[in-house]
Amino acid sequence: EGGIIMAVSVMLSVDLNNVTSEARTKFYEELKTRLWVKLKLTTTWRAQFTEGATHAAAISTTKSDVEAAAKLAGITNYEAAASASDERPTEWKS
């Protein structure tokens, strides 16, 4: 009670294995419609979930979003890793 409610951020990296550029584009567009933001890094995305969301719920939604984007794009072979945090990922470049 009385604590600060923080939004949950998720960083996601997805490797789409042996896919066409058309399938990759469809996959990316679907994640964008689900409010994911592609980082400048090749296969990395981030999303911010509503305040009060649990890390487990954010990861569950992340898995669902990736599965839906893959299905829409006809992709059956991919690998993904995601991490939930109370802070947005720190991005930098040289």
N, C-alpha and C. Protein backbone atom coordinates (compact mmCIF):
# COMPACT_ATOMS: atom_id res chain seq x y z
N GLU A 1 0.83 -1.19 0.00
CA GLU A 1 0.00 0.00 0.00
C GLU A 1 0.87 1.24 0.00
N GLY A 2 0.47 2.22 -0.74
CA GLY A 2 1.19 3.47 -0.77
C GLY A 2 2.47 3.43 -1.58
N GLY A 3 2.82 2.25 -2.13
CA GLY A 3 4.05 2.14 -2.90
C GLY A 3 3.89 2.73 -4.28
N ILE A 4 5.00 3.00 -4.89
CA ILE A 4 4.98 3.53 -6.26
C ILE A 4 4.71 2.39 -7.22
N ILE A 5 3.75 2.57 -8.11
CA ILE A 5 3.46 1.56 -9.12
C ILE A 5 4.26 1.91 -10.36
N MET A 6 5.10 0.96 -10.76
CA MET A 6 5.98 1.19 -11.91
C MET A 6 5.46 0.43 -13.13
N ALA A 7 5.67 1.00 -14.28
CA ALA A 7 5.39 0.29 -15.52
C ALA A 7 6.47 -0.77 -15.71
N VAL A 8 6.14 -1.85 -16.37
CA VAL A 8 7.10 -2.91 -16.65
C VAL A 8 7.56 -2.77 -18.09
N SER A 9 8.86 -2.81 -18.30
CA SER A 9 9.43 -2.78 -19.65
C SER A 9 9.98 -4.16 -19.97
N VAL A 10 9.85 -4.57 -21.22
CA VAL A 10 10.41 -5.85 -21.66
C VAL A 10 11.34 -5.60 -22.83
N MET A 11 12.52 -6.22 -22.77
CA MET A 11 13.44 -6.22 -23.90
C MET A 11 13.39 -7.61 -24.51
N LEU A 12 13.22 -7.67 -25.81
CA LEU A 12 13.01 -8.91 -26.55
C LEU A 12 14.00 -8.99 -27.70
N SER A 13 14.62 -10.14 -27.85
CA SER A 13 15.48 -10.40 -29.00
C SER A 13 14.93 -11.62 -29.71
N VAL A 14 14.72 -11.53 -31.02
CA VAL A 14 14.15 -12.63 -31.79
C VAL A 14 15.00 -12.89 -33.03
N ASP A 15 15.43 -14.13 -33.18
CA ASP A 15 16.09 -14.55 -34.41
C ASP A 15 15.09 -15.35 -35.23
N LEU A 16 14.80 -14.87 -36.42
CA LEU A 16 13.90 -15.57 -37.34
C LEU A 16 14.77 -16.41 -38.27
N ASN A 17 14.65 -17.70 -38.17
CA ASN A 17 15.55 -18.60 -38.89
C ASN A 17 15.00 -18.98 -40.26
N ASN A 18 15.81 -18.78 -41.28
CA ASN A 18 15.48 -19.20 -42.65
C ASN A 18 14.12 -18.69 -43.11
N VAL A 19 13.91 -17.38 -43.01
CA VAL A 19 12.64 -16.79 -43.43
C VAL A 19 12.86 -15.85 -44.61
N THR A 20 11.81 -15.64 -45.38
CA THR A 20 11.89 -14.70 -46.50
C THR A 20 11.84 -13.27 -45.97
N SER A 21 12.27 -12.34 -46.77
CA SER A 21 12.20 -10.94 -46.35
C SER A 21 10.74 -10.51 -46.19
N GLU A 22 9.84 -11.10 -46.99
CA GLU A 22 8.41 -10.79 -46.87
C GLU A 22 7.88 -11.25 -45.51
N ALA A 23 8.25 -12.45 -45.09
CA ALA A 23 7.81 -12.97 -43.80
C ALA A 23 8.39 -12.14 -42.66
N ARG A 24 9.65 -11.76 -42.79
CA ARG A 24 10.29 -10.92 -41.77
C ARG A 24 9.55 -9.59 -41.64
N THR A 25 9.21 -8.99 -42.79
CA THR A 25 8.49 -7.71 -42.79
C THR A 25 7.13 -7.86 -42.12
N LYS A 26 6.40 -8.93 -42.44
CA LYS A 26 5.09 -9.16 -41.82
C LYS A 26 5.23 -9.32 -40.31
N PHE A 27 6.24 -10.08 -39.90
CA PHE A 27 6.48 -10.31 -38.47
C PHE A 27 6.75 -8.98 -37.77
N TYR A 28 7.64 -8.17 -38.34
CA TYR A 28 7.98 -6.87 -37.75
C TYR A 28 6.75 -5.96 -37.68
N GLU A 29 5.96 -5.92 -38.75
CA GLU A 29 4.78 -5.06 -38.76
C GLU A 29 3.78 -5.49 -37.70
N GLU A 30 3.63 -6.79 -37.50
CA GLU A 30 2.69 -7.28 -36.49
C GLU A 30 3.16 -6.89 -35.08
N LEU A 31 4.45 -7.02 -34.81
CA LEU A 31 4.94 -6.59 -33.49
C LEU A 31 4.71 -5.10 -33.30
N LYS A 32 4.90 -4.30 -34.35
CA LYS A 32 4.66 -2.86 -34.24
C LYS A 32 3.20 -2.58 -33.90
N THR A 33 2.26 -3.33 -34.50
CA THR A 33 0.85 -3.10 -34.19
C THR A 33 0.55 -3.47 -32.74
N ARG A 34 1.39 -4.31 -32.16
CA ARG A 34 1.22 -4.71 -30.76
C ARG A 34 2.04 -3.81 -29.82
N LEU A 35 2.45 -2.66 -30.34
CA LEU A 35 3.14 -1.59 -29.59
C LEU A 35 4.58 -1.92 -29.20
N TRP A 36 5.21 -2.81 -29.96
CA TRP A 36 6.63 -3.06 -29.76
C TRP A 36 7.41 -2.05 -30.59
N VAL A 37 8.55 -1.63 -30.08
CA VAL A 37 9.41 -0.66 -30.76
C VAL A 37 10.72 -1.36 -31.08
N LYS A 38 11.07 -1.39 -32.37
CA LYS A 38 12.32 -2.04 -32.77
C LYS A 38 13.48 -1.11 -32.45
N LEU A 39 14.48 -1.66 -31.78
CA LEU A 39 15.68 -0.88 -31.47
C LEU A 39 16.59 -0.89 -32.69
N LYS A 40 17.61 -0.06 -32.66
CA LYS A 40 18.56 -0.01 -33.77
C LYS A 40 19.34 -1.32 -33.90
N LEU A 41 19.45 -2.07 -32.80
CA LEU A 41 20.11 -3.36 -32.84
C LEU A 41 19.31 -4.28 -33.74
N THR A 42 19.95 -5.17 -34.42
CA THR A 42 19.33 -5.94 -35.50
C THR A 42 18.01 -6.61 -35.16
N THR A 43 17.95 -7.35 -34.08
CA THR A 43 16.75 -8.16 -33.80
C THR A 43 16.17 -7.86 -32.42
N THR A 44 16.37 -6.66 -31.93
CA THR A 44 15.96 -6.36 -30.57
C THR A 44 14.81 -5.36 -30.54
N TRP A 45 13.85 -5.62 -29.67
CA TRP A 45 12.64 -4.83 -29.53
C TRP A 45 12.43 -4.49 -28.07
N ARG A 46 11.60 -3.48 -27.81
CA ARG A 46 11.20 -3.19 -26.44
C ARG A 46 9.73 -2.82 -26.44
N ALA A 47 9.09 -3.03 -25.28
CA ALA A 47 7.69 -2.63 -25.10
C ALA A 47 7.51 -2.23 -23.65
N GLN A 48 6.58 -1.34 -23.43
CA GLN A 48 6.26 -0.93 -22.07
C GLN A 48 4.83 -1.33 -21.77
N PHE A 49 4.65 -1.98 -20.65
CA PHE A 49 3.33 -2.47 -20.24
C PHE A 49 2.75 -1.55 -19.19
N THR A 50 1.46 -1.64 -19.00
CA THR A 50 0.76 -0.73 -18.09
C THR A 50 1.29 -0.82 -16.67
N GLU A 51 1.15 0.29 -15.98
CA GLU A 51 1.57 0.33 -14.59
C GLU A 51 0.81 -0.73 -13.81
N GLY A 52 1.52 -1.41 -12.94
CA GLY A 52 0.91 -2.45 -12.13
C GLY A 52 1.00 -3.83 -12.76
N ALA A 53 1.43 -3.93 -14.00
CA ALA A 53 1.60 -5.24 -14.64
C ALA A 53 2.74 -5.98 -13.93
N THR A 54 2.57 -7.27 -13.79
CA THR A 54 3.65 -8.06 -13.18
C THR A 54 4.66 -8.45 -14.26
N HIS A 55 5.85 -8.79 -13.83
CA HIS A 55 6.86 -9.24 -14.79
C HIS A 55 6.38 -10.51 -15.49
N ALA A 56 5.78 -11.42 -14.73
CA ALA A 56 5.30 -12.67 -15.32
C ALA A 56 4.22 -12.41 -16.38
N ALA A 57 3.32 -11.49 -16.11
CA ALA A 57 2.27 -11.17 -17.08
C ALA A 57 2.87 -10.52 -18.33
N ALA A 58 3.86 -9.67 -18.14
CA ALA A 58 4.51 -9.01 -19.28
C ALA A 58 5.23 -10.04 -20.15
N ILE A 59 5.89 -11.01 -19.55
CA ILE A 59 6.57 -12.05 -20.32
C ILE A 59 5.55 -12.94 -21.02
N SER A 60 4.45 -13.24 -20.36
CA SER A 60 3.39 -14.04 -20.97
C SER A 60 2.83 -13.34 -22.21
N THR A 61 2.59 -12.04 -22.10
CA THR A 61 2.11 -11.26 -23.24
C THR A 61 3.17 -11.21 -24.33
N THR A 62 4.43 -11.08 -23.94
CA THR A 62 5.53 -11.08 -24.91
C THR A 62 5.51 -12.36 -25.72
N LYS A 63 5.40 -13.50 -25.05
CA LYS A 63 5.35 -14.78 -25.76
C LYS A 63 4.16 -14.84 -26.72
N SER A 64 3.01 -14.39 -26.26
CA SER A 64 1.81 -14.38 -27.10
C SER A 64 2.00 -13.48 -28.32
N ASP A 65 2.60 -12.31 -28.11
CA ASP A 65 2.82 -11.37 -29.22
C ASP A 65 3.76 -11.96 -30.26
N VAL A 66 4.84 -12.60 -29.81
CA VAL A 66 5.80 -13.21 -30.74
C VAL A 66 5.12 -14.36 -31.49
N GLU A 67 4.38 -15.20 -30.78
CA GLU A 67 3.68 -16.31 -31.43
C GLU A 67 2.69 -15.81 -32.47
N ALA A 68 1.95 -14.75 -32.13
CA ALA A 68 0.96 -14.20 -33.07
C ALA A 68 1.63 -13.60 -34.30
N ALA A 69 2.72 -12.87 -34.08
CA ALA A 69 3.43 -12.27 -35.22
C ALA A 69 4.03 -13.36 -36.10
N ALA A 70 4.56 -14.41 -35.50
CA ALA A 70 5.14 -15.52 -36.27
C ALA A 70 4.05 -16.22 -37.08
N LYS A 71 2.91 -16.46 -36.45
CA LYS A 71 1.80 -17.13 -37.15
C LYS A 71 1.33 -16.29 -38.32
N LEU A 72 1.15 -14.99 -38.10
CA LEU A 72 0.70 -14.09 -39.16
C LEU A 72 1.67 -14.09 -40.34
N ALA A 73 2.97 -14.19 -40.03
CA ALA A 73 4.00 -14.14 -41.07
C ALA A 73 4.33 -15.52 -41.64
N GLY A 74 3.70 -16.57 -41.11
CA GLY A 74 3.99 -17.92 -41.58
C GLY A 74 5.35 -18.43 -41.13
N ILE A 75 5.83 -17.95 -40.00
CA ILE A 75 7.15 -18.33 -39.49
C ILE A 75 6.97 -19.40 -38.42
N THR A 76 7.67 -20.52 -38.60
CA THR A 76 7.58 -21.61 -37.63
C THR A 76 8.90 -21.88 -36.92
N ASN A 77 9.97 -21.25 -37.38
CA ASN A 77 11.29 -21.51 -36.81
C ASN A 77 11.89 -20.21 -36.32
N TYR A 78 11.86 -20.00 -35.00
CA TYR A 78 12.45 -18.81 -34.42
C TYR A 78 12.96 -19.10 -33.03
N GLU A 79 13.83 -18.25 -32.55
CA GLU A 79 14.34 -18.32 -31.18
C GLU A 79 14.18 -16.94 -30.58
N ALA A 80 13.78 -16.88 -29.31
CA ALA A 80 13.56 -15.58 -28.68
C ALA A 80 14.05 -15.60 -27.24
N ALA A 81 14.42 -14.44 -26.76
CA ALA A 81 14.77 -14.25 -25.35
C ALA A 81 14.18 -12.92 -24.93
N ALA A 82 13.63 -12.87 -23.72
CA ALA A 82 13.02 -11.64 -23.23
C ALA A 82 13.36 -11.46 -21.76
N SER A 83 13.45 -10.22 -21.36
CA SER A 83 13.72 -9.90 -19.96
C SER A 83 12.81 -8.75 -19.55
N ALA A 84 12.14 -8.91 -18.41
CA ALA A 84 11.25 -7.87 -17.89
C ALA A 84 11.97 -7.10 -16.79
N SER A 85 11.73 -5.80 -16.73
CA SER A 85 12.39 -4.95 -15.75
C SER A 85 11.49 -3.76 -15.43
N ASP A 86 11.75 -3.13 -14.31
CA ASP A 86 11.04 -1.91 -13.97
C ASP A 86 11.65 -0.69 -14.65
N GLU A 87 12.77 -0.89 -15.33
CA GLU A 87 13.43 0.20 -16.05
C GLU A 87 13.50 -0.13 -17.54
N ARG A 88 13.39 0.91 -18.37
CA ARG A 88 13.58 0.70 -19.80
C ARG A 88 15.03 0.31 -20.06
N PRO A 89 15.28 -0.43 -21.13
CA PRO A 89 16.66 -0.76 -21.47
C PRO A 89 17.47 0.51 -21.73
N THR A 90 18.70 0.49 -21.35
CA THR A 90 19.61 1.60 -21.65
C THR A 90 20.20 1.37 -23.03
N GLU A 91 20.03 2.33 -23.91
CA GLU A 91 20.56 2.21 -25.27
C GLU A 91 21.68 3.22 -25.46
N TRP A 92 22.70 2.85 -26.21
CA TRP A 92 23.76 3.79 -26.53
C TRP A 92 24.46 3.33 -27.81
N LYS A 93 25.21 4.21 -28.39
CA LYS A 93 25.99 3.86 -29.58
C LYS A 93 27.26 4.68 -29.57
N SER A 94 28.21 4.24 -30.36
CA SER A 94 29.49 4.95 -30.40
C SER A 94 29.45 6.06 -31.41
